[in-house]
């Protein structure tokens, strides 16, 4: 075993005849970061919790077991406890304004209801007042009509006004039928998209892997929302094909939508679990610990 982790990775790369550019093509990690890892200069990397993720990717690309290597060289790994705590505080600060907005919005429906009731009472008062005035005018007109000589003509006019307007019963029933059809379609869509999520195994260690069993319909969607910069990997199955580029993503890229409609398993890695929200069909899948780097193994039933 090499004394330093960087030298071990460089020797493995050179033994396979790979250049740094070829490793970059495989891992999507910039060559200057790869060179810094080989020199054990971890201060160049974007964050201490990214150091572990990048080293694991480098090891996989040159044929070394990442977990075994991390265990053997754990004394060389930088500590990211302080940075993890700072990241957690930043996430908490982002959530505080949202909580305040929630308190304001909680009373908004009550206020709107109060304003609506006042408006309806005003309209009703105006209608009743105008109706009484119309009744007074109608009574005066009736007295004049009774003294008029042309009584038959007035009777004909009343017959004409009292003739009912025909309506098609079919037209009145169609909106109800259409509404009923729309409700049925909506109910079927809700049942189709519903998911049953259960935690099968909670991960442990410095890079925990949590396993979930998820029962979905024929259609399923994966959405990843970001509250901070995070290195992401999403694979069709554990150590399988990449469904997105394994690179750093920022809140400007959020939400990241991934097509998993034909997948029976999805494997997700993140370097910033505290700022990453994973959802299946709109239902959040929780990271179970406070580590910055965590993994999710999602099995679809």
C-alpha atoms as a PDB file:
ATOM      1  CA  UNK A   1       0.000   0.000   0.000  1.00  0.00           C
ATOM      2  CA  UNK A   2       1.346   3.452  -0.903  1.00  0.00           C
ATOM      3  CA  UNK A   3       2.138   5.779   1.958  1.00  0.00           C
ATOM      4  CA  UNK A   4      -0.096   8.565   0.585  1.00  0.00           C
ATOM      5  CA  UNK A   5      -3.516   8.231  -1.027  1.00  0.00           C
ATOM      6  CA  UNK A   6      -2.579  10.590  -3.878  1.00  0.00           C
ATOM      7  CA  UNK A   7       0.456   8.555  -4.864  1.00  0.00           C
ATOM      8  CA  UNK A   8      -1.606   5.361  -4.785  1.00  0.00           C
ATOM      9  CA  UNK A   9      -4.216   6.832  -7.131  1.00  0.00           C
ATOM     10  CA  UNK A  10      -1.552   8.209  -9.507  1.00  0.00           C
ATOM     11  CA  UNK A  11       0.230   4.838  -9.695  1.00  0.00           C
ATOM     12  CA  UNK A  12      -3.083   3.068 -10.392  1.00  0.00           C
ATOM     13  CA  UNK A  13      -3.874   5.555 -13.170  1.00  0.00           C
ATOM     14  CA  UNK A  14      -0.463   5.234 -14.776  1.00  0.00           C
ATOM     15  CA  UNK A  15      -0.561   1.431 -14.579  1.00  0.00           C
ATOM     16  CA  UNK A  16      -3.766   1.540 -16.646  1.00  0.00           C
ATOM     17  CA  UNK A  17      -2.189   3.944 -19.125  1.00  0.00           C
ATOM     18  CA  UNK A  18      -4.728   6.696 -18.413  1.00  0.00           C
ATOM     19  CA  UNK A  19      -4.093  10.427 -18.584  1.00  0.00           C
ATOM     20  CA  UNK A  20      -5.698  12.984 -16.246  1.00  0.00           C
ATOM     21  CA  UNK A  21      -7.853  14.131 -19.176  1.00  0.00           C
ATOM     22  CA  UNK A  22      -9.211  10.606 -19.635  1.00  0.00           C
ATOM     23  CA  UNK A  23      -9.994  10.320 -15.925  1.00  0.00           C
ATOM     24  CA  UNK A  24     -11.721  13.710 -16.113  1.00  0.00           C
ATOM     25  CA  UNK A  25     -13.830  12.409 -19.018  1.00  0.00           C
ATOM     26  CA  UNK A  26     -14.938   9.443 -16.860  1.00  0.00           C
ATOM     27  CA  UNK A  27     -15.493  11.201 -13.521  1.00  0.00           C
ATOM     28  CA  UNK A  28     -16.441  14.722 -14.754  1.00  0.00           C
ATOM     29  CA  UNK A  29     -13.981  16.082 -12.147  1.00  0.00           C
ATOM     30  CA  UNK A  30     -11.741  18.922 -13.343  1.00  0.00           C
ATOM     31  CA  UNK A  31      -8.115  18.003 -14.043  1.00  0.00           C
ATOM     32  CA  UNK A  32      -6.781  20.577 -11.569  1.00  0.00           C
ATOM     33  CA  UNK A  33      -8.761  18.842  -8.807  1.00  0.00           C
ATOM     34  CA  UNK A  34      -7.459  15.431  -9.929  1.00  0.00           C
ATOM     35  CA  UNK A  35      -3.890  16.768  -9.914  1.00  0.00           C
ATOM     36  CA  UNK A  36      -4.421  18.259  -6.424  1.00  0.00           C
ATOM     37  CA  UNK A  37      -5.661  14.876  -5.147  1.00  0.00           C
ATOM     38  CA  UNK A  38      -2.566  13.152  -6.521  1.00  0.00           C
ATOM     39  CA  UNK A  39      -0.421  15.729  -4.689  1.00  0.00           C
ATOM     40  CA  UNK A  40      -2.480  15.335  -1.466  1.00  0.00           C
ATOM     41  CA  UNK A  41      -3.215  19.093  -1.718  1.00  0.00           C
ATOM     42  CA  UNK A  42      -6.845  18.954  -0.552  1.00  0.00           C
ATOM     43  CA  UNK A  43      -7.003  22.717   0.084  1.00  0.00           C
ATOM     44  CA  UNK A  44      -7.504  23.285  -3.665  1.00  0.00           C
ATOM     45  CA  UNK A  45     -10.800  21.325  -3.692  1.00  0.00           C
ATOM     46  CA  UNK A  46     -14.106  23.279  -3.432  1.00  0.00           C
ATOM     47  CA  UNK A  47     -14.976  21.911   0.032  1.00  0.00           C
ATOM     48  CA  UNK A  48     -13.812  19.311   2.526  1.00  0.00           C
ATOM     49  CA  UNK A  49     -16.897  17.142   2.106  1.00  0.00           C
ATOM     50  CA  UNK A  50     -16.298  17.193  -1.687  1.00  0.00           C
ATOM     51  CA  UNK A  51     -12.789  15.810  -1.080  1.00  0.00           C
ATOM     52  CA  UNK A  52     -14.157  12.433  -0.001  1.00  0.00           C
ATOM     53  CA  UNK A  53     -16.642  12.276  -2.887  1.00  0.00           C
ATOM     54  CA  UNK A  54     -13.970  13.164  -5.488  1.00  0.00           C
ATOM     55  CA  UNK A  55     -11.476  10.626  -4.087  1.00  0.00           C
ATOM     56  CA  UNK A  56     -14.122   7.875  -4.235  1.00  0.00           C
ATOM     57  CA  UNK A  57     -14.866   8.733  -7.881  1.00  0.00           C
ATOM     58  CA  UNK A  58     -11.177   8.799  -8.783  1.00  0.00           C
ATOM     59  CA  UNK A  59     -10.652   5.403  -7.110  1.00  0.00           C
ATOM     60  CA  UNK A  60     -13.586   3.834  -8.984  1.00  0.00           C
ATOM     61  CA  UNK A  61     -12.271   5.193 -12.299  1.00  0.00           C
ATOM     62  CA  UNK A  62      -8.838   3.536 -11.844  1.00  0.00           C
ATOM     63  CA  UNK A  63     -10.171   0.211 -10.519  1.00  0.00           C
ATOM     64  CA  UNK A  64      -9.680   0.627  -6.750  1.00  0.00           C
ATOM     65  CA  UNK A  65     -12.408  -0.227  -4.224  1.00  0.00           C
ATOM     66  CA  UNK A  66     -13.385   3.247  -2.881  1.00  0.00           C
ATOM     67  CA  UNK A  67     -14.639   2.099   0.528  1.00  0.00           C
ATOM     68  CA  UNK A  68     -11.611  -0.095   1.192  1.00  0.00           C
ATOM     69  CA  UNK A  69      -9.212   2.669   0.183  1.00  0.00           C
ATOM     70  CA  UNK A  70     -11.022   5.285   2.316  1.00  0.00           C
ATOM     71  CA  UNK A  71     -10.765   2.989   5.332  1.00  0.00           C
ATOM     72  CA  UNK A  72      -7.047   2.333   4.775  1.00  0.00           C
ATOM     73  CA  UNK A  73      -6.243   6.044   4.357  1.00  0.00           C
ATOM     74  CA  UNK A  74      -8.787   7.491   6.790  1.00  0.00           C
ATOM     75  CA  UNK A  75      -6.021   9.257   8.731  1.00  0.00           C
ATOM     76  CA  UNK A  76      -5.153  11.285   5.624  1.00  0.00           C
ATOM     77  CA  UNK A  77      -8.731  12.416   5.052  1.00  0.00           C
ATOM     78  CA  UNK A  78      -9.534  16.036   6.046  1.00  0.00           C
ATOM     79  CA  UNK A  79     -12.119  16.505   8.797  1.00  0.00           C
ATOM     80  CA  UNK A  80     -15.268  18.227   7.635  1.00  0.00           C
ATOM     81  CA  UNK A  81     -17.192  18.407  10.915  1.00  0.00           C
ATOM     82  CA  UNK A  82     -16.819  22.194  11.194  1.00  0.00           C
ATOM     83  CA  UNK A  83     -17.826  22.768   7.593  1.00  0.00           C
ATOM     84  CA  UNK A  84     -20.771  20.395   7.993  1.00  0.00           C
ATOM     85  CA  UNK A  85     -21.982  22.417  10.999  1.00  0.00           C
ATOM     86  CA  UNK A  86     -21.642  25.666   9.037  1.00  0.00           C
ATOM     87  CA  UNK A  87     -23.575  24.158   6.147  1.00  0.00           C
ATOM     88  CA  UNK A  88     -26.342  23.087   8.535  1.00  0.00           C
ATOM     89  CA  UNK A  89     -26.574  26.625   9.919  1.00  0.00           C
ATOM     90  CA  UNK A  90     -26.867  28.048   6.390  1.00  0.00           C
ATOM     91  CA  UNK A  91     -29.720  25.663   5.628  1.00  0.00           C
ATOM     92  CA  UNK A  92     -31.463  26.637   8.884  1.00  0.00           C
ATOM     93  CA  UNK A  93     -31.158  30.343   7.994  1.00  0.00           C
ATOM     94  CA  UNK A  94     -32.700  29.655   4.588  1.00  0.00           C
ATOM     95  CA  UNK A  95     -35.645  27.917   6.245  1.00  0.00           C
ATOM     96  CA  UNK A  96     -36.358  30.674   8.828  1.00  0.00           C
ATOM     97  CA  UNK A  97     -37.796  33.222   6.310  1.00  0.00           C
ATOM     98  CA  UNK A  98     -39.961  30.432   4.868  1.00  0.00           C
ATOM     99  CA  UNK A  99     -41.393  29.773   8.334  1.00  0.00           C
ATOM    100  CA  UNK A 100     -42.234  33.468   8.762  1.00  0.00           C
ATOM    101  CA  UNK A 101     -43.966  33.566   5.396  1.00  0.00           C
ATOM    102  CA  UNK A 102     -45.938  30.471   6.399  1.00  0.00           C
ATOM    103  CA  UNK A 103     -47.239  32.230   9.543  1.00  0.00           C
ATOM    104  CA  UNK A 104     -48.461  35.179   7.457  1.00  0.00           C
ATOM    105  CA  UNK A 105     -50.101  32.978   4.828  1.00  0.00           C
ATOM    106  CA  UNK A 106     -51.870  30.982   7.575  1.00  0.00           C
ATOM    107  CA  UNK A 107     -54.135  33.948   8.364  1.00  0.00           C
ATOM    108  CA  UNK A 108     -54.601  35.083   4.753  1.00  0.00           C
ATOM    109  CA  UNK A 109     -57.572  32.751   3.958  1.00  0.00           C
ATOM    110  CA  UNK A 110     -59.424  33.980   7.077  1.00  0.00           C
ATOM    111  CA  UNK A 111     -58.916  37.604   6.066  1.00  0.00           C
ATOM    112  CA  UNK A 112     -60.083  36.943   2.510  1.00  0.00           C
ATOM    113  CA  UNK A 113     -63.182  35.124   3.810  1.00  0.00           C
ATOM    114  CA  UNK A 114     -64.033  38.085   6.066  1.00  0.00           C
ATOM    115  CA  UNK A 115     -63.708  40.561   3.182  1.00  0.00           C
ATOM    116  CA  UNK A 116     -65.850  38.319   0.947  1.00  0.00           C
ATOM    117  CA  UNK A 117     -68.646  38.089   3.555  1.00  0.00           C
ATOM    118  CA  UNK A 118     -68.683  41.889   3.969  1.00  0.00           C
ATOM    119  CA  UNK A 119     -68.889  42.280   0.184  1.00  0.00           C
ATOM    120  CA  UNK A 120     -71.804  39.818  -0.071  1.00  0.00           C
ATOM    121  CA  UNK A 121     -73.704  41.584   2.708  1.00  0.00           C
ATOM    122  CA  UNK A 122     -73.262  44.923   0.928  1.00  0.00           C
ATOM    123  CA  UNK A 123     -74.508  43.477  -2.383  1.00  0.00           C
ATOM    124  CA  UNK A 124     -77.518  41.886  -0.644  1.00  0.00           C
ATOM    125  CA  UNK A 125     -78.397  45.175   1.084  1.00  0.00           C
ATOM    126  CA  UNK A 126     -78.178  47.088  -2.217  1.00  0.00           C
ATOM    127  CA  UNK A 127     -80.322  44.490  -3.997  1.00  0.00           C
ATOM    128  CA  UNK A 128     -83.043  44.539  -1.309  1.00  0.00           C
ATOM    129  CA  UNK A 129     -83.095  48.323  -1.247  1.00  0.00           C
ATOM    130  CA  UNK A 130     -83.448  48.582  -5.040  1.00  0.00           C
ATOM    131  CA  UNK A 131     -86.075  45.796  -5.009  1.00  0.00           C
ATOM    132  CA  UNK A 132     -88.303  47.739  -2.601  1.00  0.00           C
ATOM    133  CA  UNK A 133     -88.101  50.798  -4.831  1.00  0.00           C
ATOM    134  CA  UNK A 134     -89.092  48.682  -7.870  1.00  0.00           C
ATOM    135  CA  UNK A 135     -92.123  47.287  -5.975  1.00  0.00           C
ATOM    136  CA  UNK A 136     -93.315  50.821  -5.191  1.00  0.00           C
ATOM    137  CA  UNK A 137     -93.073  51.859  -8.827  1.00  0.00           C
ATOM    138  CA  UNK A 138     -94.825  48.643  -9.952  1.00  0.00           C
ATOM    139  CA  UNK A 139     -97.756  49.269  -7.588  1.00  0.00           C
ATOM    140  CA  UNK A 140     -98.241  52.790  -8.960  1.00  0.00           C
ATOM    141  CA  UNK A 141     -98.181  51.475 -12.546  1.00  0.00           C
ATOM    142  CA  UNK A 142    -100.814  48.862 -11.651  1.00  0.00           C
ATOM    143  CA  UNK A 143    -103.217  51.516 -10.358  1.00  0.00           C
ATOM    144  CA  UNK A 144    -102.912  53.473 -13.614  1.00  0.00           C
ATOM    145  CA  UNK A 145    -103.438  50.274 -15.662  1.00  0.00           C
ATOM    146  CA  UNK A 146    -106.704  49.454 -13.810  1.00  0.00           C
ATOM    147  CA  UNK A 147    -108.183  52.849 -14.801  1.00  0.00           C
ATOM    148  CA  UNK A 148    -107.164  52.417 -18.452  1.00  0.00           C
ATOM    149  CA  UNK A 149    -109.944  51.703 -21.032  1.00  0.00           C
ATOM    150  CA  UNK A 150    -107.712  49.307 -23.104  1.00  0.00           C
ATOM    151  CA  UNK A 151    -107.923  46.465 -20.591  1.00  0.00           C
ATOM    152  CA  UNK A 152    -107.817  43.647 -23.269  1.00  0.00           C
ATOM    153  CA  UNK A 153    -104.507  44.908 -24.699  1.00  0.00           C
ATOM    154  CA  UNK A 154    -102.932  44.870 -21.229  1.00  0.00           C
ATOM    155  CA  UNK A 155    -104.141  41.264 -20.800  1.00  0.00           C
ATOM    156  CA  UNK A 156    -102.527  40.223 -24.090  1.00  0.00           C
ATOM    157  CA  UNK A 157     -99.256  41.752 -23.000  1.00  0.00           C
ATOM    158  CA  UNK A 158     -99.394  39.868 -19.716  1.00  0.00           C
ATOM    159  CA  UNK A 159    -100.034  36.572 -21.580  1.00  0.00           C
ATOM    160  CA  UNK A 160     -97.020  37.236 -23.794  1.00  0.00           C
ATOM    161  CA  UNK A 161     -94.773  37.975 -20.822  1.00  0.00           C
ATOM    162  CA  UNK A 162     -95.969  34.904 -18.916  1.00  0.00           C
ATOM    163  CA  UNK A 163     -95.133  32.505 -21.787  1.00  0.00           C
ATOM    164  CA  UNK A 164     -92.337  30.201 -20.496  1.00  0.00           C
ATOM    165  CA  UNK A 165     -89.091  30.033 -22.441  1.00  0.00           C
ATOM    166  CA  UNK A 166     -88.344  26.511 -23.623  1.00  0.00           C
ATOM    167  CA  UNK A 167     -85.076  24.934 -22.576  1.00  0.00           C
ATOM    168  CA  UNK A 168     -83.306  21.747 -23.548  1.00  0.00           C
ATOM    169  CA  UNK A 169     -82.947  19.397 -20.553  1.00  0.00           C
ATOM    170  CA  UNK A 170     -80.070  17.713 -22.288  1.00  0.00           C
ATOM    171  CA  UNK A 171     -78.042  20.954 -22.252  1.00  0.00           C
ATOM    172  CA  UNK A 172     -78.556  21.326 -18.510  1.00  0.00           C
ATOM    173  CA  UNK A 173     -77.314  17.801 -17.785  1.00  0.00           C
ATOM    174  CA  UNK A 174     -74.202  17.961 -19.982  1.00  0.00           C
ATOM    175  CA  UNK A 175     -72.089  20.159 -17.598  1.00  0.00           C
ATOM    176  CA  UNK A 176     -72.825  17.759 -14.745  1.00  0.00           C
ATOM    177  CA  UNK A 177     -71.802  14.792 -16.891  1.00  0.00           C
ATOM    178  CA  UNK A 178     -68.632  16.603 -17.942  1.00  0.00           C
ATOM    179  CA  UNK A 179     -67.793  17.546 -14.358  1.00  0.00           C
ATOM    180  CA  UNK A 180     -68.332  13.974 -13.287  1.00  0.00           C
ATOM    181  CA  UNK A 181     -65.999  12.762 -16.037  1.00  0.00           C
ATOM    182  CA  UNK A 182     -63.310  15.235 -15.015  1.00  0.00           C
ATOM    183  CA  UNK A 183     -63.522  14.188 -11.372  1.00  0.00           C
ATOM    184  CA  UNK A 184     -63.194  10.527 -12.312  1.00  0.00           C
ATOM    185  CA  UNK A 185     -60.109  11.277 -14.427  1.00  0.00           C
ATOM    186  CA  UNK A 186     -58.569  13.343 -11.627  1.00  0.00           C
ATOM    187  CA  UNK A 187     -59.216  10.641  -9.047  1.00  0.00           C
ATOM    188  CA  UNK A 188     -57.653   7.998 -11.297  1.00  0.00           C
ATOM    189  CA  UNK A 189     -54.589  10.252 -11.834  1.00  0.00           C
ATOM    190  CA  UNK A 190     -54.138  10.735  -8.083  1.00  0.00           C
ATOM    191  CA  UNK A 191     -54.408   6.997  -7.449  1.00  0.00           C
ATOM    192  CA  UNK A 192     -51.968   6.333 -10.305  1.00  0.00           C
ATOM    193  CA  UNK A 193     -49.282   8.701  -8.990  1.00  0.00           C
ATOM    194  CA  UNK A 194     -49.533   7.786  -5.291  1.00  0.00           C
ATOM    195  CA  UNK A 195     -46.463   6.155  -3.720  1.00  0.00           C
ATOM    196  CA  UNK A 196     -45.932   3.962  -0.650  1.00  0.00           C
ATOM    197  CA  UNK A 197     -42.463   4.710   0.791  1.00  0.00           C
ATOM    198  CA  UNK A 198     -40.846   2.607   3.530  1.00  0.00           C
ATOM    199  CA  UNK A 199     -37.327   2.755   5.004  1.00  0.00           C
ATOM    200  CA  UNK A 200     -35.766  -0.712   4.669  1.00  0.00           C
ATOM    201  CA  UNK A 201     -32.336   0.068   6.152  1.00  0.00           C
ATOM    202  CA  UNK A 202     -30.731   3.150   7.719  1.00  0.00           C
ATOM    203  CA  UNK A 203     -27.098   3.651   6.775  1.00  0.00           C
ATOM    204  CA  UNK A 204     -24.174   4.222   9.167  1.00  0.00           C
ATOM    205  CA  UNK A 205     -20.581   5.467   9.048  1.00  0.00           C
ATOM    206  CA  UNK A 206     -19.064   8.564   7.445  1.00  0.00           C
ATOM    207  CA  UNK A 207     -20.792   7.992   4.091  1.00  0.00           C
ATOM    208  CA  UNK A 208     -24.086   6.275   5.074  1.00  0.00           C
ATOM    209  CA  UNK A 209     -26.284   4.510   2.522  1.00  0.00           C
ATOM    210  CA  UNK A 210     -30.037   4.430   3.253  1.00  0.00           C
ATOM    211  CA  UNK A 211     -32.250   1.868   1.485  1.00  0.00           C
ATOM    212  CA  UNK A 212     -35.919   2.545   0.676  1.00  0.00           C
ATOM    213  CA  UNK A 213     -38.630   0.309  -0.801  1.00  0.00           C
ATOM    214  CA  UNK A 214     -41.117   2.334  -2.852  1.00  0.00           C
ATOM    215  CA  UNK A 215     -44.405   1.054  -4.305  1.00  0.00           C
ATOM    216  CA  UNK A 216     -45.509   3.221  -7.263  1.00  0.00           C
ATOM    217  CA  UNK A 217     -47.818   2.959 -10.246  1.00  0.00           C
ATOM    218  CA  UNK A 218     -46.627   2.424 -13.788  1.00  0.00           C
ATOM    219  CA  UNK A 219     -45.376   6.028 -13.949  1.00  0.00           C
ATOM    220  CA  UNK A 220     -42.784   7.469 -11.569  1.00  0.00           C
ATOM    221  CA  UNK A 221     -40.769  10.681 -11.574  1.00  0.00           C
ATOM    222  CA  UNK A 222     -37.603  11.698  -9.701  1.00  0.00           C
ATOM    223  CA  UNK A 223     -37.030  15.354  -8.805  1.00  0.00           C
ATOM    224  CA  UNK A 224     -34.018  16.749  -6.896  1.00  0.00           C
ATOM    225  CA  UNK A 225     -34.285  20.241  -5.394  1.00  0.00           C
ATOM    226  CA  UNK A 226     -31.176  22.103  -4.214  1.00  0.00           C
ATOM    227  CA  UNK A 227     -30.858  24.678  -1.432  1.00  0.00           C
ATOM    228  CA  UNK A 228     -27.102  24.977  -1.921  1.00  0.00           C
ATOM    229  CA  UNK A 229     -24.282  23.774  -4.182  1.00  0.00           C
ATOM    230  CA  UNK A 230     -24.007  19.976  -4.192  1.00  0.00           C
ATOM    231  CA  UNK A 231     -22.079  17.260  -6.033  1.00  0.00           C
ATOM    232  CA  UNK A 232     -24.666  14.781  -7.380  1.00  0.00           C
ATOM    233  CA  UNK A 233     -24.627  11.320  -8.904  1.00  0.00           C
ATOM    234  CA  UNK A 234     -27.767   9.470 -10.056  1.00  0.00           C
ATOM    235  CA  UNK A 235     -27.343   5.928 -11.433  1.00  0.00           C
ATOM    236  CA  UNK A 236     -29.899   3.562 -12.978  1.00  0.00           C
ATOM    237  CA  UNK A 237     -28.811   0.963 -10.417  1.00  0.00           C
ATOM    238  CA  UNK A 238     -25.966   0.764  -7.901  1.00  0.00           C
ATOM    239  CA  UNK A 239     -22.684   1.269  -9.829  1.00  0.00           C
ATOM    240  CA  UNK A 240     -24.734   1.268 -13.063  1.00  0.00           C
ATOM    241  CA  UNK A 241     -25.171   3.843 -15.817  1.00  0.00           C
ATOM    242  CA  UNK A 242     -25.235   7.552 -14.924  1.00  0.00           C
ATOM    243  CA  UNK A 243     -28.649   9.152 -15.496  1.00  0.00           C
ATOM    244  CA  UNK A 244     -27.202  12.682 -15.053  1.00  0.00           C
ATOM    245  CA  UNK A 245     -23.693  14.085 -15.303  1.00  0.00           C
ATOM    246  CA  UNK A 246     -21.840  13.465 -11.987  1.00  0.00           C
ATOM    247  CA  UNK A 247     -20.834  17.078 -11.342  1.00  0.00           C
ATOM    248  CA  UNK A 248     -21.538  19.960  -8.966  1.00  0.00           C
ATOM    249  CA  UNK A 249     -25.038  21.447  -9.239  1.00  0.00           C
ATOM    250  CA  UNK A 250     -26.214  24.813  -7.854  1.00  0.00           C
ATOM    251  CA  UNK A 251     -29.644  26.176  -6.812  1.00  0.00           C
ATOM    252  CA  UNK A 252     -29.837  27.771 -10.277  1.00  0.00           C
ATOM    253  CA  UNK A 253     -30.007  24.224 -11.727  1.00  0.00           C
ATOM    254  CA  UNK A 254     -32.883  23.289  -9.367  1.00  0.00           C
ATOM    255  CA  UNK A 255     -35.052  21.367  -9.774  1.00  0.00           C
ATOM    256  CA  UNK A 256     -33.084  18.548 -11.436  1.00  0.00           C
ATOM    257  CA  UNK A 257     -35.595  16.183 -13.084  1.00  0.00           C
ATOM    258  CA  UNK A 258     -34.498  12.617 -13.893  1.00  0.00           C
ATOM    259  CA  UNK A 259     -36.358  10.101 -16.088  1.00  0.00           C
ATOM    260  CA  UNK A 260     -36.662   6.882 -14.050  1.00  0.00           C
ATOM    261  CA  UNK A 261     -39.901   5.606 -15.601  1.00  0.00           C
ATOM    262  CA  UNK A 262     -38.330   2.309 -16.704  1.00  0.00           C
ATOM    263  CA  UNK A 263     -36.011   1.800 -13.717  1.00  0.00           C
ATOM    264  CA  UNK A 264     -36.463  -0.764 -10.941  1.00  0.00           C
ATOM    265  CA  UNK A 265     -33.641   0.713  -8.852  1.00  0.00           C
ATOM    266  CA  UNK A 266     -32.028   4.167  -8.540  1.00  0.00           C
ATOM    267  CA  UNK A 267     -28.785   4.961  -6.664  1.00  0.00           C
ATOM    268  CA  UNK A 268     -28.155   8.566  -5.556  1.00  0.00           C
ATOM    269  CA  UNK A 269     -25.012  10.139  -4.050  1.00  0.00           C
ATOM    270  CA  UNK A 270     -24.780  13.729  -2.773  1.00  0.00           C
ATOM    271  CA  UNK A 271     -21.994  15.782  -1.236  1.00  0.00           C
ATOM    272  CA  UNK A 272     -24.486  18.120   0.468  1.00  0.00           C
ATOM    273  CA  UNK A 273     -27.350  16.074   1.907  1.00  0.00           C
ATOM    274  CA  UNK A 274     -28.441  18.949   4.168  1.00  0.00           C
ATOM    275  CA  UNK A 275     -29.153  21.089   1.101  1.00  0.00           C
ATOM    276  CA  UNK A 276     -30.570  18.331  -1.146  1.00  0.00           C
ATOM    277  CA  UNK A 277     -34.276  17.355  -1.329  1.00  0.00           C
ATOM    278  CA  UNK A 278     -35.131  14.123  -3.190  1.00  0.00           C
ATOM    279  CA  UNK A 279     -38.761  13.501  -4.242  1.00  0.00           C
ATOM    280  CA  UNK A 280     -40.475  10.527  -5.922  1.00  0.00           C
ATOM    281  CA  UNK A 281     -43.852  11.490  -7.461  1.00  0.00           C
ATOM    282  CA  UNK A 282     -43.754  14.620  -5.288  1.00  0.00           C
ATOM    283  CA  UNK A 283     -43.137  12.696  -2.012  1.00  0.00           C
ATOM    284  CA  UNK A 284     -39.910  13.563  -0.171  1.00  0.00           C
ATOM    285  CA  UNK A 285     -37.353  10.811   0.542  1.00  0.00           C
ATOM    286  CA  UNK A 286     -35.490  11.791   3.721  1.00  0.00           C
ATOM    287  CA  UNK A 287     -31.752  11.554   4.422  1.00  0.00           C
ATOM    288  CA  UNK A 288     -31.593   9.890   7.828  1.00  0.00           C
ATOM    289  CA  UNK A 289     -28.416  11.447   9.326  1.00  0.00           C
ATOM    290  CA  UNK A 290     -26.676  14.831   9.522  1.00  0.00           C
ATOM    291  CA  UNK A 291     -23.587  13.885   7.466  1.00  0.00           C
ATOM    292  CA  UNK A 292     -22.872  16.048   4.443  1.00  0.00           C
ATOM    293  CA  UNK A 293     -22.131  13.085   2.152  1.00  0.00           C
ATOM    294  CA  UNK A 294     -24.904  10.471   2.009  1.00  0.00           C
ATOM    295  CA  UNK A 295     -26.362   7.862  -0.391  1.00  0.00           C
ATOM    296  CA  UNK A 296     -29.883   6.661  -1.199  1.00  0.00           C
ATOM    297  CA  UNK A 297     -30.720   3.263  -2.714  1.00  0.00           C
ATOM    298  CA  UNK A 298     -34.325   3.331  -4.008  1.00  0.00           C
ATOM    299  CA  UNK A 299     -35.963  -0.010  -4.909  1.00  0.00           C
ATOM    300  CA  UNK A 300     -39.215   0.299  -6.878  1.00  0.00           C
ATOM    301  CA  UNK A 301     -41.886  -2.382  -6.475  1.00  0.00           C
END
